[in-house]
Amino acid sequence: MGNADHLQSPSSSVCARTPPLKEVLGLCYHPTARAHTNHSYSEIYINLSILKLLSRATLAPNRDAIIELFANIMNQPGVMHANPTHGTIAPVVYDPEMLAKLSEILRAGPNNWIGIQPGLETGSVELARKIMPFKAKPLSVDEWPDIVIEGTAIFNKNYWFPAYTLIMGLPETEDDVWETVNLIDRMERELPNKIGHEKTHFTVTPLSFVPLGALKSKGFYDIDSMLTEARVNLIYRSWRHTVLEIDRTLFKFTKSNPVLKFTISTLGITGSRIILWYIRKWAERRGFKIKS
């Protein structure tokens, strides 16, 4: 299997061993999986942070391992589509040609966008240094906001649609949260100038902090007692961008007859705006101001 025979994935500062490529591909070669691809299933979703597969020595993306993995998967009988479910941003910025080659293998294009869920977590460089110093490797965490913007541009250029997640309730200051709000604003403002309005696509979803690993001594995030003006604005900004994406893409990406597409799109657009209105009213009732 060459360079891809043993894939490496980092765990904090230590690279942990992942299964050999032949074991991963064994899922595709397994008779049950072959039967599914031959008779009913033509799509394979890889539940790996596939863009985290790194070289042990440099923490750079292991391009050969990633390319070989997906090339083998796409060559399985009956497989028409494969998709990594999770990924990271920095390896794409470090090696954009890797994503371009991967997009070619996965047949990405205007009618076949590849969805992926990367963790954006925060827009604050200071907080990123404290809680995720290795997330930007092999680049510098001091460049995290720029990495996010450039990585999104590279994803979008190659027809990848990142659905970012944030963590609310980290050991953060109000300034840290506002930095995340500002990053979303920068993405909305700068990405269309980089790659064009039609190609700019991403969503941002705030998730509640769960104390694990190095932060296990911290408490769970309690929205009732820990809500602040900055966090309310972060929720609002994230949902507001989702509304923009629904407006632009729901009709286009809905696969159905024209009447049903129109109905789904209308309900989606109307419903998302109602939710946005309720978030604003909910914030006002709690005494918080939504900044436009």
C-alpha atoms as a PDB file:
ATOM      1  CA  MET A   1       0.000   0.000   0.000  1.00  0.00           C
ATOM      2  CA  GLY A   2       3.039   2.273  -0.121  1.00  0.00           C
ATOM      3  CA  ASN A   3       2.932   5.524   1.852  1.00  0.00           C
ATOM      4  CA  ALA A   4      -0.680   4.951   2.795  1.00  0.00           C
ATOM      5  CA  ASP A   5      -0.091   1.577   4.424  1.00  0.00           C
ATOM      6  CA  HIS A   6      -0.235   3.140   7.890  1.00  0.00           C
ATOM      7  CA  LEU A   7      -2.168   6.380   8.288  1.00  0.00           C
ATOM      8  CA  GLN A   8      -1.391   8.736  11.136  1.00  0.00           C
ATOM      9  CA  SER A   9      -3.773  11.007  13.031  1.00  0.00           C
ATOM     10  CA  PRO A  10      -2.735  13.433  15.793  1.00  0.00           C
ATOM     11  CA  SER A  11      -4.149  13.268  19.291  1.00  0.00           C
ATOM     12  CA  SER A  12      -3.202  16.542  21.019  1.00  0.00           C
ATOM     13  CA  SER A  13       0.590  16.700  20.645  1.00  0.00           C
ATOM     14  CA  VAL A  14       1.026  12.971  20.051  1.00  0.00           C
ATOM     15  CA  CYS A  15       0.349  11.159  16.780  1.00  0.00           C
ATOM     16  CA  ALA A  16      -1.836   8.109  17.372  1.00  0.00           C
ATOM     17  CA  ARG A  17      -1.822   5.100  15.074  1.00  0.00           C
ATOM     18  CA  THR A  18      -4.866   4.557  12.893  1.00  0.00           C
ATOM     19  CA  PRO A  19      -5.707   1.260  11.135  1.00  0.00           C
ATOM     20  CA  PRO A  20      -3.733   0.297   8.023  1.00  0.00           C
ATOM     21  CA  LEU A  21      -5.349   1.318   4.751  1.00  0.00           C
ATOM     22  CA  LYS A  22      -6.186  -2.298   3.874  1.00  0.00           C
ATOM     23  CA  GLU A  23      -8.308  -2.556   7.038  1.00  0.00           C
ATOM     24  CA  VAL A  24     -10.230   0.598   6.135  1.00  0.00           C
ATOM     25  CA  LEU A  25     -10.762  -0.666   2.612  1.00  0.00           C
ATOM     26  CA  GLY A  26     -11.859  -4.006   4.029  1.00  0.00           C
ATOM     27  CA  LEU A  27     -15.209  -2.359   4.718  1.00  0.00           C
ATOM     28  CA  CYS A  28     -15.583  -1.801   0.983  1.00  0.00           C
ATOM     29  CA  TYR A  29     -14.338  -5.255   0.021  1.00  0.00           C
ATOM     30  CA  HIS A  30     -16.551  -6.984   2.603  1.00  0.00           C
ATOM     31  CA  PRO A  31     -19.240  -9.101   0.865  1.00  0.00           C
ATOM     32  CA  THR A  32     -22.053  -7.266   2.680  1.00  0.00           C
ATOM     33  CA  ALA A  33     -20.737  -3.872   1.614  1.00  0.00           C
ATOM     34  CA  ARG A  34     -20.317  -5.093  -1.960  1.00  0.00           C
ATOM     35  CA  ALA A  35     -23.884  -6.325  -1.950  1.00  0.00           C
ATOM     36  CA  HIS A  36     -25.087  -2.918  -0.769  1.00  0.00           C
ATOM     37  CA  THR A  37     -23.187  -1.058  -3.487  1.00  0.00           C
ATOM     38  CA  ASN A  38     -24.330  -3.499  -6.160  1.00  0.00           C
ATOM     39  CA  HIS A  39     -28.006  -3.486  -5.233  1.00  0.00           C
ATOM     40  CA  SER A  40     -28.965  -0.434  -3.192  1.00  0.00           C
ATOM     41  CA  TYR A  41     -26.226   1.843  -1.853  1.00  0.00           C
ATOM     42  CA  SER A  42     -23.894   3.734  -4.174  1.00  0.00           C
ATOM     43  CA  GLU A  43     -22.590   6.240  -1.616  1.00  0.00           C
ATOM     44  CA  ILE A  44     -19.949   5.702   1.070  1.00  0.00           C
ATOM     45  CA  TYR A  45     -19.420   8.197   3.886  1.00  0.00           C
ATOM     46  CA  ILE A  46     -16.125   7.927   5.742  1.00  0.00           C
ATOM     47  CA  ASN A  47     -16.558   8.808   9.407  1.00  0.00           C
ATOM     48  CA  LEU A  48     -12.989  10.028   9.796  1.00  0.00           C
ATOM     49  CA  SER A  49     -11.452  13.443  10.228  1.00  0.00           C
ATOM     50  CA  ILE A  50      -9.849  12.521   6.948  1.00  0.00           C
ATOM     51  CA  LEU A  51      -8.078  15.816   6.427  1.00  0.00           C
ATOM     52  CA  LYS A  52      -6.345  15.221   9.779  1.00  0.00           C
ATOM     53  CA  LEU A  53      -4.318  12.327   8.369  1.00  0.00           C
ATOM     54  CA  LEU A  54      -0.861  13.761   8.890  1.00  0.00           C
ATOM     55  CA  SER A  55       2.780  12.911   8.564  1.00  0.00           C
ATOM     56  CA  ARG A  56       4.223  11.945  11.966  1.00  0.00           C
ATOM     57  CA  ALA A  57       7.373  14.009  11.396  1.00  0.00           C
ATOM     58  CA  THR A  58       5.973  17.323  10.168  1.00  0.00           C
ATOM     59  CA  LEU A  59       2.236  17.327  10.998  1.00  0.00           C
ATOM     60  CA  ALA A  60       1.732  18.184   7.331  1.00  0.00           C
ATOM     61  CA  PRO A  61      -1.146  16.479   5.493  1.00  0.00           C
ATOM     62  CA  ASN A  62      -0.241  13.029   4.219  1.00  0.00           C
ATOM     63  CA  ARG A  63      -1.404  13.679   0.672  1.00  0.00           C
ATOM     64  CA  ASP A  64      -0.495  10.258  -0.685  1.00  0.00           C
ATOM     65  CA  ALA A  65      -2.390   8.437   2.074  1.00  0.00           C
ATOM     66  CA  ILE A  66      -5.541  10.523   1.637  1.00  0.00           C
ATOM     67  CA  ILE A  67      -5.518  10.298  -2.150  1.00  0.00           C
ATOM     68  CA  GLU A  68      -4.868   6.546  -2.133  1.00  0.00           C
ATOM     69  CA  LEU A  69      -7.644   5.937   0.375  1.00  0.00           C
ATOM     70  CA  PHE A  70     -10.328   7.725  -1.622  1.00  0.00           C
ATOM     71  CA  ALA A  71      -9.074   6.525  -4.999  1.00  0.00           C
ATOM     72  CA  ASN A  72      -9.435   2.947  -3.769  1.00  0.00           C
ATOM     73  CA  ILE A  73     -12.898   3.621  -2.351  1.00  0.00           C
ATOM     74  CA  MET A  74     -14.143   5.233  -5.554  1.00  0.00           C
ATOM     75  CA  ASN A  75     -12.813   2.280  -7.553  1.00  0.00           C
ATOM     76  CA  GLN A  76     -15.045  -0.184  -5.714  1.00  0.00           C
ATOM     77  CA  PRO A  77     -17.812  -1.728  -7.858  1.00  0.00           C
ATOM     78  CA  GLY A  78     -21.037   0.223  -7.623  1.00  0.00           C
ATOM     79  CA  VAL A  79     -19.622   3.198  -5.697  1.00  0.00           C
ATOM     80  CA  MET A  80     -20.669   6.471  -7.326  1.00  0.00           C
ATOM     81  CA  HIS A  81     -20.032   8.872  -4.444  1.00  0.00           C
ATOM     82  CA  ALA A  82     -17.798   9.031  -1.374  1.00  0.00           C
ATOM     83  CA  ASN A  83     -17.606  11.715   1.250  1.00  0.00           C
ATOM     84  CA  PRO A  84     -15.488  12.397   4.348  1.00  0.00           C
ATOM     85  CA  THR A  85     -17.916  13.492   7.054  1.00  0.00           C
ATOM     86  CA  HIS A  86     -15.408  15.499   9.104  1.00  0.00           C
ATOM     87  CA  GLY A  87     -12.224  17.400   8.402  1.00  0.00           C
ATOM     88  CA  THR A  88      -9.926  20.191   9.459  1.00  0.00           C
ATOM     89  CA  ILE A  89      -9.154  23.486   7.777  1.00  0.00           C
ATOM     90  CA  ALA A  90      -5.407  24.020   8.093  1.00  0.00           C
ATOM     91  CA  PRO A  91      -4.255  21.056   5.929  1.00  0.00           C
ATOM     92  CA  VAL A  92      -6.325  22.426   3.047  1.00  0.00           C
ATOM     93  CA  VAL A  93      -4.588  25.807   3.300  1.00  0.00           C
ATOM     94  CA  TYR A  94      -1.188  24.155   3.617  1.00  0.00           C
ATOM     95  CA  ASP A  95      -1.728  21.894   0.587  1.00  0.00           C
ATOM     96  CA  PRO A  96      -4.544  23.191  -1.657  1.00  0.00           C
ATOM     97  CA  GLU A  97      -3.438  20.879  -4.479  1.00  0.00           C
ATOM     98  CA  MET A  98      -4.300  17.922  -2.258  1.00  0.00           C
ATOM     99  CA  LEU A  99      -7.920  19.081  -2.095  1.00  0.00           C
ATOM    100  CA  ALA A 100      -7.980  19.759  -5.828  1.00  0.00           C
ATOM    101  CA  LYS A 101      -6.819  16.196  -6.531  1.00  0.00           C
ATOM    102  CA  LEU A 102      -9.267  14.779  -3.988  1.00  0.00           C
ATOM    103  CA  SER A 103     -12.077  16.767  -5.616  1.00  0.00           C
ATOM    104  CA  GLU A 104     -11.203  15.263  -8.984  1.00  0.00           C
ATOM    105  CA  ILE A 105     -11.342  11.738  -7.526  1.00  0.00           C
ATOM    106  CA  LEU A 106     -14.667  12.426  -5.784  1.00  0.00           C
ATOM    107  CA  ARG A 107     -16.089  14.018  -8.952  1.00  0.00           C
ATOM    108  CA  ALA A 108     -16.896  17.282  -7.222  1.00  0.00           C
ATOM    109  CA  GLY A 109     -18.494  19.933  -9.391  1.00  0.00           C
ATOM    110  CA  PRO A 110     -21.348  22.459  -9.704  1.00  0.00           C
ATOM    111  CA  ASN A 111     -23.889  19.640  -9.427  1.00  0.00           C
ATOM    112  CA  ASN A 112     -21.983  17.561  -6.878  1.00  0.00           C
ATOM    113  CA  TRP A 113     -20.889  19.616  -3.892  1.00  0.00           C
ATOM    114  CA  ILE A 114     -18.991  17.698  -1.201  1.00  0.00           C
ATOM    115  CA  GLY A 115     -20.241  18.379   2.319  1.00  0.00           C
ATOM    116  CA  ILE A 116     -17.799  18.365   5.214  1.00  0.00           C
ATOM    117  CA  GLN A 117     -17.968  19.334   8.884  1.00  0.00           C
ATOM    118  CA  PRO A 118     -14.839  21.099  10.194  1.00  0.00           C
ATOM    119  CA  GLY A 119     -14.536  22.552  13.676  1.00  0.00           C
ATOM    120  CA  LEU A 120     -14.061  26.307  13.581  1.00  0.00           C
ATOM    121  CA  GLU A 121     -14.529  26.510  17.389  1.00  0.00           C
ATOM    122  CA  THR A 122     -13.550  30.167  17.885  1.00  0.00           C
ATOM    123  CA  GLY A 123     -12.443  33.271  16.034  1.00  0.00           C
ATOM    124  CA  SER A 124     -10.230  34.410  18.901  1.00  0.00           C
ATOM    125  CA  VAL A 125      -6.506  33.891  18.399  1.00  0.00           C
ATOM    126  CA  GLU A 126      -5.838  34.289  22.110  1.00  0.00           C
ATOM    127  CA  LEU A 127      -8.382  31.604  23.012  1.00  0.00           C
ATOM    128  CA  ALA A 128      -7.173  29.346  20.191  1.00  0.00           C
ATOM    129  CA  ARG A 129      -3.649  29.499  21.632  1.00  0.00           C
ATOM    130  CA  LYS A 130      -4.984  28.305  24.975  1.00  0.00           C
ATOM    131  CA  ILE A 131      -7.401  25.532  23.985  1.00  0.00           C
ATOM    132  CA  MET A 132      -6.314  24.280  20.550  1.00  0.00           C
ATOM    133  CA  PRO A 133      -2.665  25.163  19.855  1.00  0.00           C
ATOM    134  CA  PHE A 134      -2.256  22.227  17.442  1.00  0.00           C
ATOM    135  CA  LYS A 135      -5.437  22.719  15.410  1.00  0.00           C
ATOM    136  CA  ALA A 136      -3.712  25.012  12.922  1.00  0.00           C
ATOM    137  CA  LYS A 137      -0.738  22.692  12.332  1.00  0.00           C
ATOM    138  CA  PRO A 138       1.365  22.703  10.235  1.00  0.00           C
ATOM    139  CA  LEU A 139       0.556  26.439  10.149  1.00  0.00           C
ATOM    140  CA  SER A 140       0.583  28.870  13.073  1.00  0.00           C
ATOM    141  CA  VAL A 141      -2.416  29.189  15.380  1.00  0.00           C
ATOM    142  CA  ASP A 142      -1.670  32.932  15.446  1.00  0.00           C
ATOM    143  CA  GLU A 143      -3.075  33.014  11.897  1.00  0.00           C
ATOM    144  CA  TRP A 144      -6.281  31.122  12.776  1.00  0.00           C
ATOM    145  CA  PRO A 145      -8.889  33.644  11.467  1.00  0.00           C
ATOM    146  CA  ASP A 146      -6.995  34.002   8.175  1.00  0.00           C
ATOM    147  CA  ILE A 147      -6.645  30.205   7.938  1.00  0.00           C
ATOM    148  CA  VAL A 148     -10.424  29.871   8.301  1.00  0.00           C
ATOM    149  CA  ILE A 149     -11.112  32.411   5.555  1.00  0.00           C
ATOM    150  CA  GLU A 150      -8.508  31.046   3.158  1.00  0.00           C
ATOM    151  CA  GLY A 151      -9.527  27.455   3.880  1.00  0.00           C
ATOM    152  CA  THR A 152     -13.171  28.251   3.159  1.00  0.00           C
ATOM    153  CA  ALA A 153     -12.184  29.867  -0.125  1.00  0.00           C
ATOM    154  CA  ILE A 154     -10.213  26.763  -1.122  1.00  0.00           C
ATOM    155  CA  PHE A 155     -13.064  24.456  -0.100  1.00  0.00           C
ATOM    156  CA  ASN A 156     -15.550  26.497  -2.127  1.00  0.00           C
ATOM    157  CA  LYS A 157     -13.313  26.806  -5.195  1.00  0.00           C
ATOM    158  CA  ASN A 158     -13.240  23.005  -5.316  1.00  0.00           C
ATOM    159  CA  TYR A 159     -17.000  22.584  -4.696  1.00  0.00           C
ATOM    160  CA  TRP A 160     -16.799  21.663  -1.032  1.00  0.00           C
ATOM    161  CA  PHE A 161     -19.465  23.018   1.326  1.00  0.00           C
ATOM    162  CA  PRO A 162     -18.091  23.350   4.897  1.00  0.00           C
ATOM    163  CA  ALA A 163     -20.632  23.182   7.736  1.00  0.00           C
ATOM    164  CA  TYR A 164     -18.593  24.697  10.542  1.00  0.00           C
ATOM    165  CA  THR A 165     -19.238  24.136  14.233  1.00  0.00           C
ATOM    166  CA  LEU A 166     -18.413  26.530  17.073  1.00  0.00           C
ATOM    167  CA  ILE A 167     -18.166  25.821  20.789  1.00  0.00           C
ATOM    168  CA  MET A 168     -20.134  28.126  23.076  1.00  0.00           C
ATOM    169  CA  GLY A 169     -19.254  28.266  26.757  1.00  0.00           C
ATOM    170  CA  LEU A 170     -15.524  27.729  26.502  1.00  0.00           C
ATOM    171  CA  PRO A 171     -13.356  29.393  29.175  1.00  0.00           C
ATOM    172  CA  GLU A 172     -13.696  32.593  27.161  1.00  0.00           C
ATOM    173  CA  THR A 173     -14.091  36.324  27.630  1.00  0.00           C
ATOM    174  CA  GLU A 174     -16.689  38.558  25.983  1.00  0.00           C
ATOM    175  CA  ASP A 175     -13.927  39.816  23.683  1.00  0.00           C
ATOM    176  CA  ASP A 176     -13.197  36.236  22.600  1.00  0.00           C
ATOM    177  CA  VAL A 177     -16.835  35.719  21.623  1.00  0.00           C
ATOM    178  CA  TRP A 178     -16.991  39.032  19.770  1.00  0.00           C
ATOM    179  CA  GLU A 179     -13.891  37.955  17.835  1.00  0.00           C
ATOM    180  CA  THR A 180     -15.867  34.934  16.634  1.00  0.00           C
ATOM    181  CA  VAL A 181     -18.787  37.165  15.630  1.00  0.00           C
ATOM    182  CA  ASN A 182     -16.339  39.383  13.754  1.00  0.00           C
ATOM    183  CA  LEU A 183     -14.857  36.366  11.953  1.00  0.00           C
ATOM    184  CA  ILE A 184     -18.293  35.355  10.632  1.00  0.00           C
ATOM    185  CA  ASP A 185     -18.768  38.938   9.424  1.00  0.00           C
ATOM    186  CA  ARG A 186     -15.354  38.830   7.721  1.00  0.00           C
ATOM    187  CA  MET A 187     -16.236  35.568   5.996  1.00  0.00           C
ATOM    188  CA  GLU A 188     -19.477  37.013   4.651  1.00  0.00           C
ATOM    189  CA  ARG A 189     -17.695  40.136   3.481  1.00  0.00           C
ATOM    190  CA  GLU A 190     -14.385  38.825   2.129  1.00  0.00           C
ATOM    191  CA  LEU A 191     -15.175  35.433   0.605  1.00  0.00           C
ATOM    192  CA  PRO A 192     -17.409  36.748  -2.217  1.00  0.00           C
ATOM    193  CA  ASN A 193     -14.572  39.118  -3.167  1.00  0.00           C
ATOM    194  CA  LYS A 194     -12.129  36.196  -3.242  1.00  0.00           C
ATOM    195  CA  ILE A 195     -14.121  33.593  -5.165  1.00  0.00           C
ATOM    196  CA  GLY A 196     -17.390  35.205  -6.253  1.00  0.00           C
ATOM    197  CA  HIS A 197     -20.788  35.380  -4.622  1.00  0.00           C
ATOM    198  CA  GLU A 198     -22.168  32.300  -6.400  1.00  0.00           C
ATOM    199  CA  LYS A 199     -19.402  30.032  -5.144  1.00  0.00           C
ATOM    200  CA  THR A 200     -19.352  31.218  -1.538  1.00  0.00           C
ATOM    201  CA  HIS A 201     -21.024  28.639   0.706  1.00  0.00           C
ATOM    202  CA  PHE A 202     -20.668  27.750   4.385  1.00  0.00           C
ATOM    203  CA  THR A 203     -22.741  27.430   7.536  1.00  0.00           C
ATOM    204  CA  VAL A 204     -21.809  28.004  11.171  1.00  0.00           C
ATOM    205  CA  THR A 205     -23.505  26.127  14.011  1.00  0.00           C
ATOM    206  CA  PRO A 206     -22.833  26.931  17.692  1.00  0.00           C
ATOM    207  CA  LEU A 207     -22.643  23.875  19.966  1.00  0.00           C
ATOM    208  CA  SER A 208     -22.579  23.830  23.774  1.00  0.00           C
ATOM    209  CA  PHE A 209     -19.269  23.255  25.518  1.00  0.00           C
ATOM    210  CA  VAL A 210     -18.794  19.793  27.038  1.00  0.00           C
ATOM    211  CA  PRO A 211     -15.852  19.526  29.474  1.00  0.00           C
ATOM    212  CA  LEU A 212     -13.515  16.827  28.154  1.00  0.00           C
ATOM    213  CA  GLY A 213      -9.790  16.222  27.948  1.00  0.00           C
ATOM    214  CA  ALA A 214      -7.629  19.111  29.121  1.00  0.00           C
ATOM    215  CA  LEU A 215     -10.777  21.129  29.948  1.00  0.00           C
ATOM    216  CA  LYS A 216     -12.575  18.389  31.899  1.00  0.00           C
ATOM    217  CA  SER A 217     -12.330  20.394  35.138  1.00  0.00           C
ATOM    218  CA  LYS A 218     -14.507  23.157  33.648  1.00  0.00           C
ATOM    219  CA  GLY A 219     -18.279  23.152  34.021  1.00  0.00           C
ATOM    220  CA  PHE A 220     -20.873  22.349  31.367  1.00  0.00           C
ATOM    221  CA  TYR A 221     -22.301  25.290  29.464  1.00  0.00           C
ATOM    222  CA  ASP A 222     -25.617  26.411  30.981  1.00  0.00           C
ATOM    223  CA  ILE A 223     -27.428  28.696  28.543  1.00  0.00           C
ATOM    224  CA  ASP A 224     -29.705  30.172  31.228  1.00  0.00           C
ATOM    225  CA  SER A 225     -26.982  31.332  33.596  1.00  0.00           C
ATOM    226  CA  MET A 226     -24.098  31.855  31.156  1.00  0.00           C
ATOM    227  CA  LEU A 227     -25.825  33.754  28.361  1.00  0.00           C
ATOM    228  CA  THR A 228     -24.196  37.092  27.529  1.00  0.00           C
ATOM    229  CA  GLU A 229     -24.751  39.762  24.912  1.00  0.00           C
ATOM    230  CA  ALA A 230     -21.814  38.511  22.865  1.00  0.00           C
ATOM    231  CA  ARG A 231     -23.079  34.919  22.941  1.00  0.00           C
ATOM    232  CA  VAL A 232     -26.586  35.999  21.954  1.00  0.00           C
ATOM    233  CA  ASN A 233     -25.117  37.867  18.999  1.00  0.00           C
ATOM    234  CA  LEU A 234     -23.058  34.816  18.063  1.00  0.00           C
ATOM    235  CA  ILE A 235     -26.196  32.666  17.969  1.00  0.00           C
ATOM    236  CA  TYR A 236     -28.002  35.314  15.937  1.00  0.00           C
ATOM    237  CA  ARG A 237     -25.151  35.851  13.463  1.00  0.00           C
ATOM    238  CA  SER A 238     -24.761  32.109  12.920  1.00  0.00           C
ATOM    239  CA  TRP A 239     -28.465  31.649  12.242  1.00  0.00           C
ATOM    240  CA  ARG A 240     -28.603  34.772  10.085  1.00  0.00           C
ATOM    241  CA  HIS A 241     -25.964  33.305   7.809  1.00  0.00           C
ATOM    242  CA  THR A 242     -27.892  30.037   7.661  1.00  0.00           C
ATOM    243  CA  VAL A 243     -30.898  32.042   6.455  1.00  0.00           C
ATOM    244  CA  LEU A 244     -28.736  33.573   3.715  1.00  0.00           C
ATOM    245  CA  GLU A 245     -27.632  30.103   2.623  1.00  0.00           C
ATOM    246  CA  ILE A 246     -31.212  28.807   2.622  1.00  0.00           C
ATOM    247  CA  ASP A 247     -32.263  31.751   0.450  1.00  0.00           C
ATOM    248  CA  ARG A 248     -29.504  31.045  -2.048  1.00  0.00           C
ATOM    249  CA  THR A 249     -29.265  27.276  -2.127  1.00  0.00           C
ATOM    250  CA  LEU A 250     -32.383  25.476  -0.933  1.00  0.00           C
ATOM    251  CA  PHE A 251     -34.201  25.566  -4.274  1.00  0.00           C
ATOM    252  CA  LYS A 252     -31.015  24.806  -6.186  1.00  0.00           C
ATOM    253  CA  PHE A 253     -29.972  21.830  -4.047  1.00  0.00           C
ATOM    254  CA  THR A 254     -33.420  20.306  -3.490  1.00  0.00           C
ATOM    255  CA  LYS A 255     -33.829  17.254  -5.726  1.00  0.00           C
ATOM    256  CA  SER A 256     -37.504  16.819  -6.542  1.00  0.00           C
ATOM    257  CA  ASN A 257     -40.161  17.812  -9.051  1.00  0.00           C
ATOM    258  CA  PRO A 258     -40.559  21.581  -9.631  1.00  0.00           C
ATOM    259  CA  VAL A 259     -43.757  21.922  -7.583  1.00  0.00           C
ATOM    260  CA  LEU A 260     -42.320  20.120  -4.555  1.00  0.00           C
ATOM    261  CA  LYS A 261     -39.042  22.034  -4.884  1.00  0.00           C
ATOM    262  CA  PHE A 262     -40.959  25.310  -4.837  1.00  0.00           C
ATOM    263  CA  THR A 263     -43.006  24.216  -1.817  1.00  0.00           C
ATOM    264  CA  ILE A 264     -39.967  23.037   0.174  1.00  0.00           C
ATOM    265  CA  SER A 265     -38.015  26.181  -0.694  1.00  0.00           C
ATOM    266  CA  THR A 266     -40.868  28.502   0.258  1.00  0.00           C
ATOM    267  CA  LEU A 267     -41.439  26.747   3.584  1.00  0.00           C
ATOM    268  CA  GLY A 268     -37.707  26.668   4.324  1.00  0.00           C
ATOM    269  CA  ILE A 269     -37.155  30.336   3.560  1.00  0.00           C
ATOM    270  CA  THR A 270     -40.261  31.441   5.494  1.00  0.00           C
ATOM    271  CA  GLY A 271     -39.557  29.164   8.456  1.00  0.00           C
ATOM    272  CA  SER A 272     -35.923  30.225   8.782  1.00  0.00           C
ATOM    273  CA  ARG A 273     -36.932  33.883   8.869  1.00  0.00           C
ATOM    274  CA  ILE A 274     -39.494  33.189  11.581  1.00  0.00           C
ATOM    275  CA  ILE A 275     -36.805  31.486  13.678  1.00  0.00           C
ATOM    276  CA  LEU A 276     -34.476  34.454  13.150  1.00  0.00           C
ATOM    277  CA  TRP A 277     -37.257  36.817  14.286  1.00  0.00           C
ATOM    278  CA  TYR A 278     -37.858  34.705  17.405  1.00  0.00           C
ATOM    279  CA  ILE A 279     -34.138  34.752  18.284  1.00  0.00           C
ATOM    280  CA  ARG A 280     -34.146  38.548  18.120  1.00  0.00           C
ATOM    281  CA  LYS A 281     -37.278  38.811  20.267  1.00  0.00           C
ATOM    282  CA  TRP A 282     -35.912  36.228  22.722  1.00  0.00           C
ATOM    283  CA  ALA A 283     -32.722  38.326  23.076  1.00  0.00           C
ATOM    284  CA  GLU A 284     -34.686  41.544  23.597  1.00  0.00           C
ATOM    285  CA  ARG A 285     -36.793  39.964  26.338  1.00  0.00           C
ATOM    286  CA  ARG A 286     -33.583  39.085  28.168  1.00  0.00           C
ATOM    287  CA  GLY A 287     -32.276  42.623  27.815  1.00  0.00           C
ATOM    288  CA  PHE A 288     -29.675  41.948  25.108  1.00  0.00           C
ATOM    289  CA  LYS A 289     -29.144  44.059  22.015  1.00  0.00           C
ATOM    290  CA  ILE A 290     -28.594  42.433  18.635  1.00  0.00           C
ATOM    291  CA  LYS A 291     -25.941  44.365  16.742  1.00  0.00           C
ATOM    292  CA  SER A 292     -26.415  44.605  12.992  1.00  0.00           C
END
